[in-house]
Amino acid sequence: MKINIKDVEYVANLARLELSEEEKTQQLEKLNKILDYMEILNKVDTKGVQPLAHVLPINNVLRKDEVHETLEREKTLQNAPEEAQGMFRVPKIV
């Protein structure tokens, strides 16, 4: 499947891009090269290959939950820019 200048103009319009004629031609060539490569990949035999989300096994690295002593409230709030009623005071965001 090949695309044409009209397709490039359509996508540029969707992306709110203003492209010169030279840029449109460049993008047309690049996109057609990508589609040519995809045609090559479509010919690869993938029977028996399981779909996957990532080529490497990914596991979350979690630390074990352990109970620790907490800091005293006064010590926790000593570096706070502002404090009110024993809590951090932050700017109101609406």
N, C-alpha and C. Protein backbone atom coordinates (compact mmCIF):
# COMPACT_ATOMS: atom_id res chain seq x y z
N MET A 1 0.84 -1.18 0.00
CA MET A 1 0.00 0.00 0.00
C MET A 1 0.89 1.24 0.00
N LYS A 2 0.64 2.12 -0.91
CA LYS A 2 1.39 3.36 -0.99
C LYS A 2 0.46 4.51 -0.61
N ILE A 3 1.05 5.54 -0.04
CA ILE A 3 0.27 6.73 0.27
C ILE A 3 0.65 7.82 -0.72
N ASN A 4 -0.18 8.84 -0.80
CA ASN A 4 0.10 9.94 -1.72
C ASN A 4 0.12 11.27 -0.97
N ILE A 5 0.35 12.33 -1.68
CA ILE A 5 0.46 13.66 -1.07
C ILE A 5 -0.83 14.03 -0.34
N LYS A 6 -1.97 13.63 -0.88
CA LYS A 6 -3.26 13.94 -0.22
C LYS A 6 -3.30 13.32 1.18
N ASP A 7 -2.78 12.10 1.32
CA ASP A 7 -2.74 11.45 2.63
C ASP A 7 -1.85 12.23 3.59
N VAL A 8 -0.69 12.66 3.10
CA VAL A 8 0.23 13.45 3.93
C VAL A 8 -0.43 14.74 4.36
N GLU A 9 -1.10 15.41 3.43
CA GLU A 9 -1.79 16.66 3.76
C GLU A 9 -2.89 16.43 4.79
N TYR A 10 -3.61 15.32 4.66
CA TYR A 10 -4.69 14.99 5.59
C TYR A 10 -4.14 14.79 7.00
N VAL A 11 -3.06 14.00 7.12
CA VAL A 11 -2.47 13.74 8.43
C VAL A 11 -1.87 15.02 9.00
N ALA A 12 -1.23 15.82 8.16
CA ALA A 12 -0.67 17.09 8.62
C ALA A 12 -1.78 18.00 9.15
N ASN A 13 -2.91 18.00 8.48
CA ASN A 13 -4.04 18.80 8.94
C ASN A 13 -4.55 18.31 10.29
N LEU A 14 -4.66 16.99 10.46
CA LEU A 14 -5.09 16.44 11.75
C LEU A 14 -4.13 16.83 12.87
N ALA A 15 -2.83 16.87 12.55
CA ALA A 15 -1.81 17.20 13.54
C ALA A 15 -1.61 18.71 13.66
N ARG A 16 -2.38 19.47 12.90
CA ARG A 16 -2.27 20.94 12.90
C ARG A 16 -0.86 21.40 12.52
N LEU A 17 -0.30 20.74 11.49
CA LEU A 17 1.02 21.08 11.00
C LEU A 17 0.90 21.78 9.65
N GLU A 18 1.70 22.81 9.48
CA GLU A 18 1.79 23.46 8.18
C GLU A 18 3.09 23.02 7.54
N LEU A 19 2.99 22.26 6.46
CA LEU A 19 4.16 21.75 5.79
C LEU A 19 4.33 22.42 4.44
N SER A 20 5.58 22.72 4.10
CA SER A 20 5.86 23.24 2.76
C SER A 20 5.77 22.08 1.77
N GLU A 21 5.78 22.40 0.49
CA GLU A 21 5.71 21.34 -0.52
C GLU A 21 6.91 20.40 -0.41
N GLU A 22 8.08 20.95 -0.11
CA GLU A 22 9.28 20.14 0.05
C GLU A 22 9.14 19.19 1.24
N GLU A 23 8.59 19.70 2.36
CA GLU A 23 8.40 18.87 3.55
C GLU A 23 7.37 17.77 3.29
N LYS A 24 6.33 18.11 2.53
CA LYS A 24 5.33 17.10 2.20
C LYS A 24 5.96 15.96 1.39
N THR A 25 6.82 16.33 0.44
CA THR A 25 7.49 15.33 -0.38
C THR A 25 8.42 14.46 0.47
N GLN A 26 9.15 15.09 1.38
CA GLN A 26 10.05 14.35 2.26
C GLN A 26 9.27 13.37 3.14
N GLN A 27 8.17 13.83 3.71
CA GLN A 27 7.36 12.97 4.57
C GLN A 27 6.74 11.83 3.77
N LEU A 28 6.33 12.12 2.54
CA LEU A 28 5.76 11.09 1.68
C LEU A 28 6.78 9.98 1.44
N GLU A 29 8.03 10.36 1.15
CA GLU A 29 9.09 9.37 0.92
C GLU A 29 9.35 8.55 2.18
N LYS A 30 9.44 9.22 3.32
CA LYS A 30 9.71 8.52 4.58
C LYS A 30 8.58 7.54 4.92
N LEU A 31 7.35 8.00 4.79
CA LEU A 31 6.21 7.14 5.13
C LEU A 31 6.11 5.94 4.19
N ASN A 32 6.40 6.15 2.92
CA ASN A 32 6.37 5.03 1.97
C ASN A 32 7.49 4.03 2.25
N LYS A 33 8.65 4.52 2.71
CA LYS A 33 9.74 3.60 3.09
C LYS A 33 9.31 2.75 4.29
N ILE A 34 8.63 3.37 5.24
CA ILE A 34 8.13 2.63 6.41
C ILE A 34 7.14 1.56 5.97
N LEU A 35 6.23 1.93 5.08
CA LEU A 35 5.24 0.96 4.60
C LEU A 35 5.89 -0.16 3.80
N ASP A 36 6.93 0.14 3.02
CA ASP A 36 7.67 -0.89 2.29
C ASP A 36 8.29 -1.88 3.27
N TYR A 37 8.87 -1.36 4.34
CA TYR A 37 9.48 -2.22 5.34
C TYR A 37 8.42 -3.08 6.04
N MET A 38 7.27 -2.51 6.31
CA MET A 38 6.19 -3.27 6.93
C MET A 38 5.73 -4.41 6.03
N GLU A 39 5.75 -4.20 4.72
CA GLU A 39 5.39 -5.26 3.78
C GLU A 39 6.37 -6.43 3.89
N ILE A 40 7.66 -6.12 4.07
CA ILE A 40 8.66 -7.16 4.26
C ILE A 40 8.37 -7.93 5.54
N LEU A 41 8.06 -7.21 6.62
CA LEU A 41 7.76 -7.86 7.90
C LEU A 41 6.50 -8.71 7.82
N ASN A 42 5.53 -8.28 7.02
CA ASN A 42 4.28 -9.05 6.89
C ASN A 42 4.52 -10.42 6.24
N LYS A 43 5.62 -10.56 5.48
CA LYS A 43 5.92 -11.82 4.81
C LYS A 43 6.62 -12.82 5.73
N VAL A 44 7.04 -12.40 6.90
CA VAL A 44 7.75 -13.28 7.83
C VAL A 44 6.77 -14.29 8.41
N ASP A 45 7.18 -15.56 8.43
CA ASP A 45 6.35 -16.63 8.98
C ASP A 45 6.40 -16.56 10.50
N THR A 46 5.27 -16.30 11.12
CA THR A 46 5.21 -16.19 12.58
C THR A 46 4.35 -17.30 13.20
N LYS A 47 4.11 -18.36 12.46
CA LYS A 47 3.34 -19.48 13.01
C LYS A 47 4.11 -20.08 14.17
N GLY A 48 3.44 -20.34 15.26
CA GLY A 48 4.07 -20.93 16.43
C GLY A 48 4.78 -19.93 17.33
N VAL A 49 4.74 -18.67 16.98
CA VAL A 49 5.38 -17.64 17.81
C VAL A 49 4.30 -17.01 18.68
N GLN A 50 4.50 -17.08 19.97
CA GLN A 50 3.52 -16.53 20.90
C GLN A 50 3.60 -15.00 20.92
N PRO A 51 2.45 -14.32 20.94
CA PRO A 51 2.47 -12.85 21.07
C PRO A 51 3.07 -12.45 22.41
N LEU A 52 3.75 -11.34 22.42
CA LEU A 52 4.32 -10.86 23.67
C LEU A 52 4.28 -9.34 23.72
N ALA A 53 4.32 -8.83 24.93
CA ALA A 53 4.29 -7.38 25.13
C ALA A 53 5.68 -6.79 25.21
N HIS A 54 6.66 -7.62 25.59
CA HIS A 54 8.03 -7.14 25.74
C HIS A 54 8.97 -8.30 25.48
N VAL A 55 10.13 -8.02 24.90
CA VAL A 55 11.05 -9.10 24.55
C VAL A 55 11.79 -9.65 25.76
N LEU A 56 11.87 -8.90 26.83
CA LEU A 56 12.55 -9.35 28.04
C LEU A 56 11.53 -9.59 29.15
N PRO A 57 11.80 -10.55 30.02
CA PRO A 57 10.87 -10.72 31.15
C PRO A 57 11.00 -9.54 32.10
N ILE A 58 9.88 -8.95 32.42
CA ILE A 58 9.89 -7.78 33.30
C ILE A 58 9.14 -8.15 34.58
N ASN A 59 9.79 -7.93 35.69
CA ASN A 59 9.17 -8.16 36.99
C ASN A 59 9.30 -6.90 37.82
N ASN A 60 8.29 -6.63 38.60
CA ASN A 60 8.39 -5.51 39.53
C ASN A 60 9.38 -5.87 40.63
N VAL A 61 10.23 -4.93 40.94
CA VAL A 61 11.18 -5.13 42.03
C VAL A 61 10.59 -4.43 43.24
N LEU A 62 10.13 -5.20 44.18
CA LEU A 62 9.48 -4.65 45.36
C LEU A 62 10.27 -5.03 46.59
N ARG A 63 10.34 -4.10 47.51
CA ARG A 63 11.01 -4.43 48.77
C ARG A 63 9.97 -5.00 49.73
N LYS A 64 10.44 -5.74 50.68
CA LYS A 64 9.55 -6.33 51.67
C LYS A 64 9.04 -5.23 52.60
N ASP A 65 7.77 -5.26 52.90
CA ASP A 65 7.21 -4.29 53.85
C ASP A 65 7.70 -4.62 55.25
N GLU A 66 8.25 -3.62 55.88
CA GLU A 66 8.73 -3.81 57.24
C GLU A 66 8.25 -2.64 58.09
N VAL A 67 7.91 -2.93 59.31
CA VAL A 67 7.46 -1.90 60.23
C VAL A 67 8.68 -1.21 60.82
N HIS A 68 8.70 0.12 60.75
CA HIS A 68 9.79 0.92 61.30
C HIS A 68 9.20 1.99 62.21
N GLU A 69 10.04 2.51 63.06
CA GLU A 69 9.61 3.66 63.88
C GLU A 69 9.43 4.85 62.96
N THR A 70 8.40 5.65 63.23
CA THR A 70 8.20 6.85 62.44
C THR A 70 8.84 8.03 63.15
N LEU A 71 9.05 9.11 62.39
CA LEU A 71 9.61 10.32 62.98
C LEU A 71 8.55 11.00 63.84
N GLU A 72 9.02 11.71 64.82
CA GLU A 72 8.10 12.51 65.62
C GLU A 72 7.55 13.63 64.76
N ARG A 73 6.33 14.03 65.04
CA ARG A 73 5.68 15.06 64.24
C ARG A 73 6.50 16.35 64.20
N GLU A 74 7.01 16.78 65.34
CA GLU A 74 7.77 18.03 65.38
C GLU A 74 9.03 17.94 64.52
N LYS A 75 9.69 16.80 64.59
CA LYS A 75 10.91 16.61 63.79
C LYS A 75 10.57 16.57 62.30
N THR A 76 9.44 15.95 61.95
CA THR A 76 9.02 15.88 60.56
C THR A 76 8.71 17.27 60.01
N LEU A 77 8.08 18.11 60.81
CA LEU A 77 7.65 19.42 60.35
C LEU A 77 8.72 20.51 60.49
N GLN A 78 9.88 20.19 61.06
CA GLN A 78 10.87 21.25 61.29
C GLN A 78 11.40 21.87 60.00
N ASN A 79 11.40 21.15 58.89
CA ASN A 79 11.88 21.69 57.62
C ASN A 79 10.75 22.15 56.69
N ALA A 80 9.53 22.08 57.17
CA ALA A 80 8.40 22.51 56.34
C ALA A 80 8.43 24.02 56.16
N PRO A 81 8.17 24.50 54.94
CA PRO A 81 8.14 25.95 54.73
C PRO A 81 7.07 26.62 55.59
N GLU A 82 5.91 25.95 55.68
CA GLU A 82 4.83 26.45 56.53
C GLU A 82 4.15 25.27 57.20
N GLU A 83 3.68 25.50 58.42
CA GLU A 83 3.03 24.46 59.18
C GLU A 83 1.81 25.06 59.85
N ALA A 84 0.73 24.29 59.91
CA ALA A 84 -0.49 24.75 60.56
C ALA A 84 -1.17 23.56 61.24
N GLN A 85 -1.45 23.68 62.50
CA GLN A 85 -2.15 22.66 63.27
C GLN A 85 -1.46 21.30 63.17
N GLY A 86 -0.13 21.30 63.18
CA GLY A 86 0.62 20.06 63.16
C GLY A 86 0.66 19.38 61.80
N MET A 87 0.36 20.13 60.73
CA MET A 87 0.37 19.55 59.38
C MET A 87 1.13 20.48 58.44
N PHE A 88 1.56 19.93 57.30
CA PHE A 88 2.17 20.77 56.27
C PHE A 88 1.12 21.71 55.72
N ARG A 89 1.48 22.96 55.54
CA ARG A 89 0.57 23.92 54.92
C ARG A 89 1.05 24.15 53.50
N VAL A 90 0.15 23.97 52.55
CA VAL A 90 0.49 24.12 51.13
C VAL A 90 -0.44 25.15 50.50
N PRO A 91 -0.03 25.74 49.37
CA PRO A 91 -0.91 26.72 48.72
C PRO A 91 -2.20 26.06 48.23
N LYS A 92 -3.28 26.81 48.30
CA LYS A 92 -4.57 26.33 47.83
C LYS A 92 -4.55 26.30 46.30
N ILE A 93 -4.93 25.17 45.74
CA ILE A 93 -4.99 25.03 44.29
C ILE A 93 -6.42 24.68 43.91
N VAL A 94 -6.99 25.50 43.07
CA VAL A 94 -8.37 25.26 42.65
C VAL A 94 -8.42 25.09 41.16
